[in-house]
Amino acid sequence: MSGYRETYEYTDEGRLVYRYGYITHGSLEYYYIYEESDMEPAYCLELDHNGGPPVLVIYS
C-alpha cells in the first residue's frame, strides 16, 4: 500500500478548486482561487495539517 493518496474536486467548468493529499506523517489541503472565468488559478491556499504554516501562493 502506498503512503500517499490524493483527492481532487473540480467545478462544472473543469477548474480544479480543491486538492487533498495524505502522506504518512499528515495531510495537506490546497484550495485554488480563480479570477472571473480564467481557467488557470490566480491563488492557491496550502494548509498543512501536520503543523506547518498556511501558505498563500500567488501565480503571476
Protein backbone atom coordinates (compact mmCIF):
# COMPACT_ATOMS: atom_id res chain seq x y z
CA MET A 1 0.00 0.00 0.00
CA SER A 2 1.28 3.43 -0.93
CA GLY A 3 1.91 6.01 1.79
CA TYR A 4 0.38 8.78 -0.33
CA ARG A 5 -3.05 9.42 -1.82
CA GLU A 6 -4.86 12.41 -3.30
CA THR A 7 -8.43 13.57 -3.79
CA TYR A 8 -9.47 16.23 -6.30
CA GLU A 9 -12.59 18.37 -6.73
CA TYR A 10 -13.48 20.33 -9.87
CA THR A 11 -16.09 22.91 -10.84
CA ASP A 12 -18.64 22.19 -13.58
CA GLU A 13 -16.31 24.09 -15.93
CA GLY A 14 -13.46 21.68 -15.13
CA ARG A 15 -11.39 24.00 -12.95
CA LEU A 16 -9.55 22.39 -10.05
CA VAL A 17 -10.76 24.02 -6.81
CA TYR A 18 -9.63 21.59 -4.10
CA ARG A 19 -6.93 19.00 -3.64
CA TYR A 20 -6.35 16.85 -0.57
CA GLY A 21 -3.23 14.80 -0.10
CA TYR A 22 -2.47 12.32 2.67
CA ILE A 23 1.11 11.37 3.39
CA THR A 24 2.35 9.07 6.12
CA HIS A 25 3.01 11.90 8.59
CA GLY A 26 -0.13 14.02 7.99
CA SER A 27 -2.30 15.64 5.38
CA LEU A 28 -2.24 18.66 3.09
CA GLU A 29 -5.11 20.65 1.61
CA TYR A 30 -4.94 23.00 -1.36
CA TYR A 31 -7.67 25.50 -2.26
CA TYR A 32 -7.42 27.05 -5.73
CA ILE A 33 -8.90 30.52 -6.27
CA TYR A 34 -9.71 31.88 -9.72
CA GLU A 35 -10.34 35.34 -11.11
CA GLU A 36 -13.60 35.54 -13.04
CA SER A 37 -13.71 32.94 -15.82
CA ASP A 38 -9.96 32.21 -16.02
CA MET A 39 -9.09 28.54 -16.37
CA GLU A 40 -5.76 28.94 -14.53
CA PRO A 41 -5.84 29.71 -10.79
CA ALA A 42 -4.72 33.11 -9.53
CA TYR A 43 -4.00 31.84 -6.00
CA CYS A 44 -3.55 28.66 -4.04
CA LEU A 45 -4.02 28.37 -0.28
CA GLU A 46 -1.98 25.49 1.12
CA LEU A 47 -2.90 24.09 4.56
CA ASP A 48 -0.54 21.66 6.27
CA HIS A 49 -2.33 19.61 8.93
CA ASN A 50 0.98 18.47 10.36
CA GLY A 51 1.68 21.82 11.99
CA GLY A 52 3.19 23.71 9.09
CA PRO A 53 2.15 27.31 8.49
CA PRO A 54 -0.54 28.13 5.94
CA VAL A 55 0.90 29.34 2.64
CA LEU A 56 -0.74 31.55 0.02
CA VAL A 57 0.79 31.07 -3.42
CA ILE A 58 0.20 33.89 -5.90
CA TYR A 59 0.56 32.82 -9.52
CA SER A 60 1.68 35.53 -11.93
